[in-house]
Amino acid sequence: MRDIRERAAMLPDTPRIGRRVPELDQLPLDEQAVVKDVLESLLLKYQARRWEEARAAAATAPAKKAAPKRSAHATAR
């Protein structure tokens, strides 16, 4: 499992997050674990939302019609 700094490095580099990450070292280990769990759950929630949106978009996309197959005698001429 990745540590808190690796997870934080995957987050967008915004000023708010960038300033907060060094402060994590000042937290007790049990609270660091809570922060890690919260970040992981938010990342999973985001990924699940993206997957669901992609699945819904694929389900509503019009189906492509297959090209008609040519018979063997039509192409042998």
PDB file of N, CA and C in Angstrom:
ATOM      1  N   MET A   1       0.842  -1.176   0.000  1.00  0.00           N
ATOM      2  CA  MET A   1       0.000   0.000   0.000  1.00  0.00           C
ATOM      3  C   MET A   1       0.894   1.248   0.000  1.00  0.00           C
ATOM      4  N   ARG A   2       0.485   2.249  -0.670  1.00  0.00           N
ATOM      5  CA  ARG A   2       1.291   3.457  -0.784  1.00  0.00           C
ATOM      6  C   ARG A   2       1.213   4.288   0.479  1.00  0.00           C
ATOM      7  N   ASP A   3       2.302   4.992   0.760  1.00  0.00           N
ATOM      8  CA  ASP A   3       2.277   5.840   1.954  1.00  0.00           C
ATOM      9  C   ASP A   3       1.602   7.167   1.634  1.00  0.00           C
ATOM     10  N   ILE A   4       1.397   7.964   2.652  1.00  0.00           N
ATOM     11  CA  ILE A   4       0.617   9.203   2.528  1.00  0.00           C
ATOM     12  C   ILE A   4       1.245  10.193   1.560  1.00  0.00           C
ATOM     13  N   ARG A   5       2.560  10.248   1.527  1.00  0.00           N
ATOM     14  CA  ARG A   5       3.214  11.200   0.613  1.00  0.00           C
ATOM     15  C   ARG A   5       3.035  10.791  -0.844  1.00  0.00           C
ATOM     16  N   GLU A   6       3.097   9.502  -1.129  1.00  0.00           N
ATOM     17  CA  GLU A   6       2.881   9.046  -2.504  1.00  0.00           C
ATOM     18  C   GLU A   6       1.449   9.342  -2.952  1.00  0.00           C
ATOM     19  N   ARG A   7       0.500   9.100  -2.069  1.00  0.00           N
ATOM     20  CA  ARG A   7      -0.896   9.400  -2.390  1.00  0.00           C
ATOM     21  C   ARG A   7      -1.093  10.896  -2.608  1.00  0.00           C
ATOM     22  N   ALA A   8      -0.501  11.694  -1.747  1.00  0.00           N
ATOM     23  CA  ALA A   8      -0.640  13.142  -1.868  1.00  0.00           C
ATOM     24  C   ALA A   8       0.018  13.642  -3.148  1.00  0.00           C
ATOM     25  N   ALA A   9       1.091  12.993  -3.558  1.00  0.00           N
ATOM     26  CA  ALA A   9       1.768  13.401  -4.795  1.00  0.00           C
ATOM     27  C   ALA A   9       0.886  13.167  -6.014  1.00  0.00           C
ATOM     28  N   MET A  10      -0.076  12.256  -5.925  1.00  0.00           N
ATOM     29  CA  MET A  10      -0.969  11.993  -7.043  1.00  0.00           C
ATOM     30  C   MET A  10      -2.092  13.020  -7.133  1.00  0.00           C
ATOM     31  N   LEU A  11      -2.299  13.782  -6.094  1.00  0.00           N
ATOM     32  CA  LEU A  11      -3.349  14.785  -6.095  1.00  0.00           C
ATOM     33  C   LEU A  11      -2.919  15.999  -6.917  1.00  0.00           C
ATOM     34  N   PRO A  12      -3.863  16.789  -7.392  1.00  0.00           N
ATOM     35  CA  PRO A  12      -3.509  17.992  -8.131  1.00  0.00           C
ATOM     36  C   PRO A  12      -2.632  18.905  -7.283  1.00  0.00           C
ATOM     37  N   ASP A  13      -1.672  19.559  -7.926  1.00  0.00           N
ATOM     38  CA  ASP A  13      -0.746  20.424  -7.206  1.00  0.00           C
ATOM     39  C   ASP A  13      -1.358  21.815  -7.076  1.00  0.00           C
ATOM     40  N   THR A  14      -2.302  21.936  -6.169  1.00  0.00           N
ATOM     41  CA  THR A  14      -2.925  23.223  -5.912  1.00  0.00           C
ATOM     42  C   THR A  14      -2.265  23.844  -4.693  1.00  0.00           C
ATOM     43  N   PRO A  15      -2.322  25.146  -4.563  1.00  0.00           N
ATOM     44  CA  PRO A  15      -1.690  25.780  -3.398  1.00  0.00           C
ATOM     45  C   PRO A  15      -2.216  25.245  -2.068  1.00  0.00           C
ATOM     46  N   ARG A  16      -3.492  24.999  -1.962  1.00  0.00           N
ATOM     47  CA  ARG A  16      -4.047  24.522  -0.693  1.00  0.00           C
ATOM     48  C   ARG A  16      -3.472  23.161  -0.310  1.00  0.00           C
ATOM     49  N   ILE A  17      -3.495  22.237  -1.250  1.00  0.00           N
ATOM     50  CA  ILE A  17      -2.980  20.901  -0.951  1.00  0.00           C
ATOM     51  C   ILE A  17      -1.469  20.944  -0.758  1.00  0.00           C
ATOM     52  N   GLY A  18      -0.795  21.697  -1.588  1.00  0.00           N
ATOM     53  CA  GLY A  18       0.658  21.788  -1.492  1.00  0.00           C
ATOM     54  C   GLY A  18       1.135  22.309  -0.151  1.00  0.00           C
ATOM     55  N   ARG A  19       0.410  23.218   0.440  1.00  0.00           N
ATOM     56  CA  ARG A  19       0.802  23.757   1.744  1.00  0.00           C
ATOM     57  C   ARG A  19       0.458  22.810   2.875  1.00  0.00           C
ATOM     58  N   ARG A  20      -0.533  21.967   2.691  1.00  0.00           N
ATOM     59  CA  ARG A  20      -1.004  21.092   3.764  1.00  0.00           C
ATOM     60  C   ARG A  20      -0.192  19.808   3.885  1.00  0.00           C
ATOM     61  N   VAL A  21       0.355  19.316   2.821  1.00  0.00           N
ATOM     62  CA  VAL A  21       1.050  18.030   2.863  1.00  0.00           C
ATOM     63  C   VAL A  21       2.214  18.014   3.846  1.00  0.00           C
ATOM     64  N   PRO A  22       3.081  19.008   3.895  1.00  0.00           N
ATOM     65  CA  PRO A  22       4.167  18.969   4.885  1.00  0.00           C
ATOM     66  C   PRO A  22       3.660  18.941   6.327  1.00  0.00           C
ATOM     67  N   GLU A  23       2.497  19.455   6.578  1.00  0.00           N
ATOM     68  CA  GLU A  23       1.942  19.449   7.928  1.00  0.00           C
ATOM     69  C   GLU A  23       1.531  18.057   8.381  1.00  0.00           C
ATOM     70  N   LEU A  24       1.372  17.140   7.449  1.00  0.00           N
ATOM     71  CA  LEU A  24       0.971  15.779   7.823  1.00  0.00           C
ATOM     72  C   LEU A  24       2.010  15.116   8.719  1.00  0.00           C
ATOM     73  N   ASP A  25       3.261  15.450   8.539  1.00  0.00           N
ATOM     74  CA  ASP A  25       4.309  14.872   9.383  1.00  0.00           C
ATOM     75  C   ASP A  25       4.138  15.263  10.844  1.00  0.00           C
ATOM     76  N   GLN A  26       3.470  16.353  11.103  1.00  0.00           N
ATOM     77  CA  GLN A  26       3.290  16.818  12.475  1.00  0.00           C
ATOM     78  C   GLN A  26       2.146  16.093  13.185  1.00  0.00           C
ATOM     79  N   LEU A  27       1.315  15.390  12.429  1.00  0.00           N
ATOM     80  CA  LEU A  27       0.197  14.667  13.028  1.00  0.00           C
ATOM     81  C   LEU A  27       0.691  13.369  13.673  1.00  0.00           C
ATOM     82  N   PRO A  28      -0.001  12.923  14.714  1.00  0.00           N
ATOM     83  CA  PRO A  28       0.312  11.598  15.265  1.00  0.00           C
ATOM     84  C   PRO A  28       0.050  10.519  14.209  1.00  0.00           C
ATOM     85  N   LEU A  29       0.704   9.383  14.349  1.00  0.00           N
ATOM     86  CA  LEU A  29       0.589   8.320  13.342  1.00  0.00           C
ATOM     87  C   LEU A  29      -0.845   7.847  13.136  1.00  0.00           C
ATOM     88  N   ASP A  30      -1.620   7.768  14.207  1.00  0.00           N
ATOM     89  CA  ASP A  30      -3.005   7.317  14.039  1.00  0.00           C
ATOM     90  C   ASP A  30      -3.825   8.316  13.235  1.00  0.00           C
ATOM     91  N   GLU A  31      -3.559   9.596  13.406  1.00  0.00           N
ATOM     92  CA  GLU A  31      -4.274  10.614  12.625  1.00  0.00           C
ATOM     93  C   GLU A  31      -3.769  10.641  11.188  1.00  0.00           C
ATOM     94  N   GLN A  32      -2.495  10.353  10.970  1.00  0.00           N
ATOM     95  CA  GLN A  32      -1.986  10.237   9.608  1.00  0.00           C
ATOM     96  C   GLN A  32      -2.703   9.100   8.877  1.00  0.00           C
ATOM     97  N   ALA A  33      -2.960   8.007   9.609  1.00  0.00           N
ATOM     98  CA  ALA A  33      -3.681   6.879   9.014  1.00  0.00           C
ATOM     99  C   ALA A  33      -5.104   7.279   8.625  1.00  0.00           C
ATOM    100  N   VAL A  34      -5.736   8.112   9.444  1.00  0.00           N
ATOM    101  CA  VAL A  34      -7.089   8.586   9.131  1.00  0.00           C
ATOM    102  C   VAL A  34      -7.061   9.435   7.869  1.00  0.00           C
ATOM    103  N   VAL A  35      -6.078  10.320   7.766  1.00  0.00           N
ATOM    104  CA  VAL A  35      -5.952  11.168   6.570  1.00  0.00           C
ATOM    105  C   VAL A  35      -5.734  10.289   5.341  1.00  0.00           C
ATOM    106  N   LYS A  36      -4.903   9.295   5.479  1.00  0.00           N
ATOM    107  CA  LYS A  36      -4.638   8.373   4.369  1.00  0.00           C
ATOM    108  C   LYS A  36      -5.927   7.677   3.944  1.00  0.00           C
ATOM    109  N   ASP A  37      -6.695   7.184   4.904  1.00  0.00           N
ATOM    110  CA  ASP A  37      -7.952   6.505   4.587  1.00  0.00           C
ATOM    111  C   ASP A  37      -8.939   7.444   3.896  1.00  0.00           C
ATOM    112  N   VAL A  38      -9.010   8.674   4.355  1.00  0.00           N
ATOM    113  CA  VAL A  38      -9.921   9.660   3.747  1.00  0.00           C
ATOM    114  C   VAL A  38      -9.498   9.942   2.307  1.00  0.00           C
ATOM    115  N   LEU A  39      -8.207  10.154   2.083  1.00  0.00           N
ATOM    116  CA  LEU A  39      -7.721  10.414   0.726  1.00  0.00           C
ATOM    117  C   LEU A  39      -8.006   9.230  -0.194  1.00  0.00           C
ATOM    118  N   GLU A  40      -7.743   8.020   0.291  1.00  0.00           N
ATOM    119  CA  GLU A  40      -8.010   6.836  -0.525  1.00  0.00           C
ATOM    120  C   GLU A  40      -9.492   6.707  -0.852  1.00  0.00           C
ATOM    121  N   SER A  41     -10.348   6.973   0.114  1.00  0.00           N
ATOM    122  CA  SER A  41     -11.783   6.858  -0.148  1.00  0.00           C
ATOM    123  C   SER A  41     -12.248   7.916  -1.143  1.00  0.00           C
ATOM    124  N   LEU A  42     -11.701   9.113  -1.059  1.00  0.00           N
ATOM    125  CA  LEU A  42     -12.064  10.160  -2.021  1.00  0.00           C
ATOM    126  C   LEU A  42     -11.591   9.797  -3.422  1.00  0.00           C
ATOM    127  N   LEU A  43     -10.383   9.239  -3.519  1.00  0.00           N
ATOM    128  CA  LEU A  43      -9.875   8.824  -4.825  1.00  0.00           C
ATOM    129  C   LEU A  43     -10.724   7.694  -5.404  1.00  0.00           C
ATOM    130  N   LEU A  44     -11.113   6.739  -4.572  1.00  0.00           N
ATOM    131  CA  LEU A  44     -11.965   5.648  -5.039  1.00  0.00           C
ATOM    132  C   LEU A  44     -13.337   6.163  -5.478  1.00  0.00           C
ATOM    133  N   LYS A  45     -13.876   7.090  -4.727  1.00  0.00           N
ATOM    134  CA  LYS A  45     -15.173   7.676  -5.073  1.00  0.00           C
ATOM    135  C   LYS A  45     -15.092   8.386  -6.420  1.00  0.00           C
ATOM    136  N   TYR A  46     -14.010   9.124  -6.630  1.00  0.00           N
ATOM    137  CA  TYR A  46     -13.812   9.834  -7.894  1.00  0.00           C
ATOM    138  C   TYR A  46     -13.689   8.844  -9.055  1.00  0.00           C
ATOM    139  N   GLN A  47     -12.893   7.785  -8.864  1.00  0.00           N
ATOM    140  CA  GLN A  47     -12.729   6.788  -9.917  1.00  0.00           C
ATOM    141  C   GLN A  47     -14.048   6.090 -10.219  1.00  0.00           C
ATOM    142  N   ALA A  48     -14.793   5.744  -9.194  1.00  0.00           N
ATOM    143  CA  ALA A  48     -16.077   5.083  -9.398  1.00  0.00           C
ATOM    144  C   ALA A  48     -17.038   5.979 -10.176  1.00  0.00           C
ATOM    145  N   ARG A  49     -17.036   7.266  -9.868  1.00  0.00           N
ATOM    146  CA  ARG A  49     -17.901   8.202 -10.580  1.00  0.00           C
ATOM    147  C   ARG A  49     -17.503   8.277 -12.057  1.00  0.00           C
ATOM    148  N   ARG A  50     -16.201   8.330 -12.320  1.00  0.00           N
ATOM    149  CA  ARG A  50     -15.734   8.378 -13.710  1.00  0.00           C
ATOM    150  C   ARG A  50     -16.118   7.108 -14.456  1.00  0.00           C
ATOM    151  N   TRP A  51     -15.939   5.943 -13.816  1.00  0.00           N
ATOM    152  CA  TRP A  51     -16.296   4.679 -14.458  1.00  0.00           C
ATOM    153  C   TRP A  51     -17.788   4.614 -14.727  1.00  0.00           C
ATOM    154  N   GLU A  52     -18.592   5.068 -13.785  1.00  0.00           N
ATOM    155  CA  GLU A  52     -20.042   5.040 -13.951  1.00  0.00           C
ATOM    156  C   GLU A  52     -20.476   5.965 -15.088  1.00  0.00           C
ATOM    157  N   GLU A  53     -19.857   7.142 -15.165  1.00  0.00           N
ATOM    158  CA  GLU A  53     -20.193   8.075 -16.247  1.00  0.00           C
ATOM    159  C   GLU A  53     -19.799   7.486 -17.602  1.00  0.00           C
ATOM    160  N   ALA A  54     -18.640   6.829 -17.660  1.00  0.00           N
ATOM    161  CA  ALA A  54     -18.202   6.214 -18.915  1.00  0.00           C
ATOM    162  C   ALA A  54     -19.127   5.071 -19.303  1.00  0.00           C
ATOM    163  N   ARG A  55     -19.546   4.264 -18.328  1.00  0.00           N
ATOM    164  CA  ARG A  55     -20.450   3.161 -18.598  1.00  0.00           C
ATOM    165  C   ARG A  55     -21.803   3.675 -19.080  1.00  0.00           C
ATOM    166  N   ALA A  56     -22.305   4.727 -18.439  1.00  0.00           N
ATOM    167  CA  ALA A  56     -23.589   5.294 -18.836  1.00  0.00           C
ATOM    168  C   ALA A  56     -23.510   5.893 -20.238  1.00  0.00           C
ATOM    169  N   ALA A  57     -22.388   6.543 -20.542  1.00  0.00           N
ATOM    170  CA  ALA A  57     -22.218   7.132 -21.874  1.00  0.00           C
ATOM    171  C   ALA A  57     -22.160   6.040 -22.938  1.00  0.00           C
ATOM    172  N   ALA A  58     -21.494   4.938 -22.625  1.00  0.00           N
ATOM    173  CA  ALA A  58     -21.408   3.835 -23.581  1.00  0.00           C
ATOM    174  C   ALA A  58     -22.773   3.180 -23.782  1.00  0.00           C
ATOM    175  N   ALA A  59     -23.565   3.123 -22.746  1.00  0.00           N
ATOM    176  CA  ALA A  59     -24.885   2.495 -22.844  1.00  0.00           C
ATOM    177  C   ALA A  59     -25.856   3.352 -23.653  1.00  0.00           C
ATOM    178  N   THR A  60     -25.681   4.659 -23.630  1.00  0.00           N
ATOM    179  CA  THR A  60     -26.603   5.533 -24.348  1.00  0.00           C
ATOM    180  C   THR A  60     -26.104   5.896 -25.740  1.00  0.00           C
ATOM    181  N   ALA A  61     -24.868   5.525 -26.059  1.00  0.00           N
ATOM    182  CA  ALA A  61     -24.328   5.837 -27.385  1.00  0.00           C
ATOM    183  C   ALA A  61     -25.050   4.984 -28.423  1.00  0.00           C
ATOM    184  N   PRO A  62     -25.339   5.574 -29.575  1.00  0.00           N
ATOM    185  CA  PRO A  62     -26.013   4.785 -30.617  1.00  0.00           C
ATOM    186  C   PRO A  62     -25.106   3.653 -31.091  1.00  0.00           C
ATOM    187  N   ALA A  63     -25.695   2.501 -31.311  1.00  0.00           N
ATOM    188  CA  ALA A  63     -24.926   1.345 -31.773  1.00  0.00           C
ATOM    189  C   ALA A  63     -24.505   1.556 -33.221  1.00  0.00           C
ATOM    190  N   LYS A  64     -23.289   1.161 -33.525  1.00  0.00           N
ATOM    191  CA  LYS A  64     -22.803   1.263 -34.900  1.00  0.00           C
ATOM    192  C   LYS A  64     -23.350   0.087 -35.695  1.00  0.00           C
ATOM    193  N   LYS A  65     -23.784   0.381 -36.904  1.00  0.00           N
ATOM    194  CA  LYS A  65     -24.286  -0.675 -37.763  1.00  0.00           C
ATOM    195  C   LYS A  65     -23.103  -1.379 -38.420  1.00  0.00           C
ATOM    196  N   ALA A  66     -23.178  -2.679 -38.453  1.00  0.00           N
ATOM    197  CA  ALA A  66     -22.116  -3.465 -39.084  1.00  0.00           C
ATOM    198  C   ALA A  66     -22.231  -3.316 -40.599  1.00  0.00           C
ATOM    199  N   ALA A  67     -21.098  -3.277 -41.256  1.00  0.00           N
ATOM    200  CA  ALA A  67     -21.093  -3.192 -42.707  1.00  0.00           C
ATOM    201  C   ALA A  67     -21.610  -4.513 -43.267  1.00  0.00           C
ATOM    202  N   PRO A  68     -22.405  -4.455 -44.318  1.00  0.00           N
ATOM    203  CA  PRO A  68     -22.924  -5.708 -44.881  1.00  0.00           C
ATOM    204  C   PRO A  68     -21.779  -6.553 -45.436  1.00  0.00           C
ATOM    205  N   LYS A  69     -21.891  -7.859 -45.221  1.00  0.00           N
ATOM    206  CA  LYS A  69     -20.863  -8.770 -45.732  1.00  0.00           C
ATOM    207  C   LYS A  69     -21.099  -9.003 -47.210  1.00  0.00           C
ATOM    208  N   ARG A  70     -20.010  -9.034 -47.929  1.00  0.00           N
ATOM    209  CA  ARG A  70     -20.111  -9.324 -49.357  1.00  0.00           C
ATOM    210  C   ARG A  70     -20.039 -10.828 -49.556  1.00  0.00           C
ATOM    211  N   SER A  71     -20.802 -11.298 -50.495  1.00  0.00           N
ATOM    212  CA  SER A  71     -20.755 -12.736 -50.754  1.00  0.00           C
ATOM    213  C   SER A  71     -19.495 -13.045 -51.553  1.00  0.00           C
ATOM    214  N   ALA A  72     -19.027 -14.251 -51.479  1.00  0.00           N
ATOM    215  CA  ALA A  72     -17.773 -14.661 -52.126  1.00  0.00           C
ATOM    216  C   ALA A  72     -17.874 -14.566 -53.650  1.00  0.00           C
ATOM    217  N   HIS A  73     -19.026 -14.892 -54.228  1.00  0.00           N
ATOM    218  CA  HIS A  73     -19.147 -14.856 -55.674  1.00  0.00           C
ATOM    219  C   HIS A  73     -19.231 -13.420 -56.193  1.00  0.00           C
ATOM    220  N   ALA A  74     -19.637 -12.457 -55.387  1.00  0.00           N
ATOM    221  CA  ALA A  74     -19.738 -11.072 -55.830  1.00  0.00           C
ATOM    222  C   ALA A  74     -18.360 -10.441 -55.958  1.00  0.00           C
ATOM    223  N   THR A  75     -17.400 -10.869 -55.167  1.00  0.00           N
ATOM    224  CA  THR A  75     -16.060 -10.276 -55.212  1.00  0.00           C
ATOM    225  C   THR A  75     -15.135 -11.034 -56.133  1.00  0.00           C
ATOM    226  N   ALA A  76     -15.521 -12.229 -56.591  1.00  0.00           N
ATOM    227  CA  ALA A  76     -14.656 -13.038 -57.436  1.00  0.00           C
ATOM    228  C   ALA A  76     -14.735 -12.652 -58.894  1.00  0.00           C
ATOM    229  N   ARG A  77     -15.577 -11.777 -59.272  1.00  0.00           N
ATOM    230  CA  ARG A  77     -15.756 -11.400 -60.682  1.00  0.00           C
ATOM    231  C   ARG A  77     -14.605 -10.662 -61.223  1.00  0.00           C
TER     232      ARG A  77
END
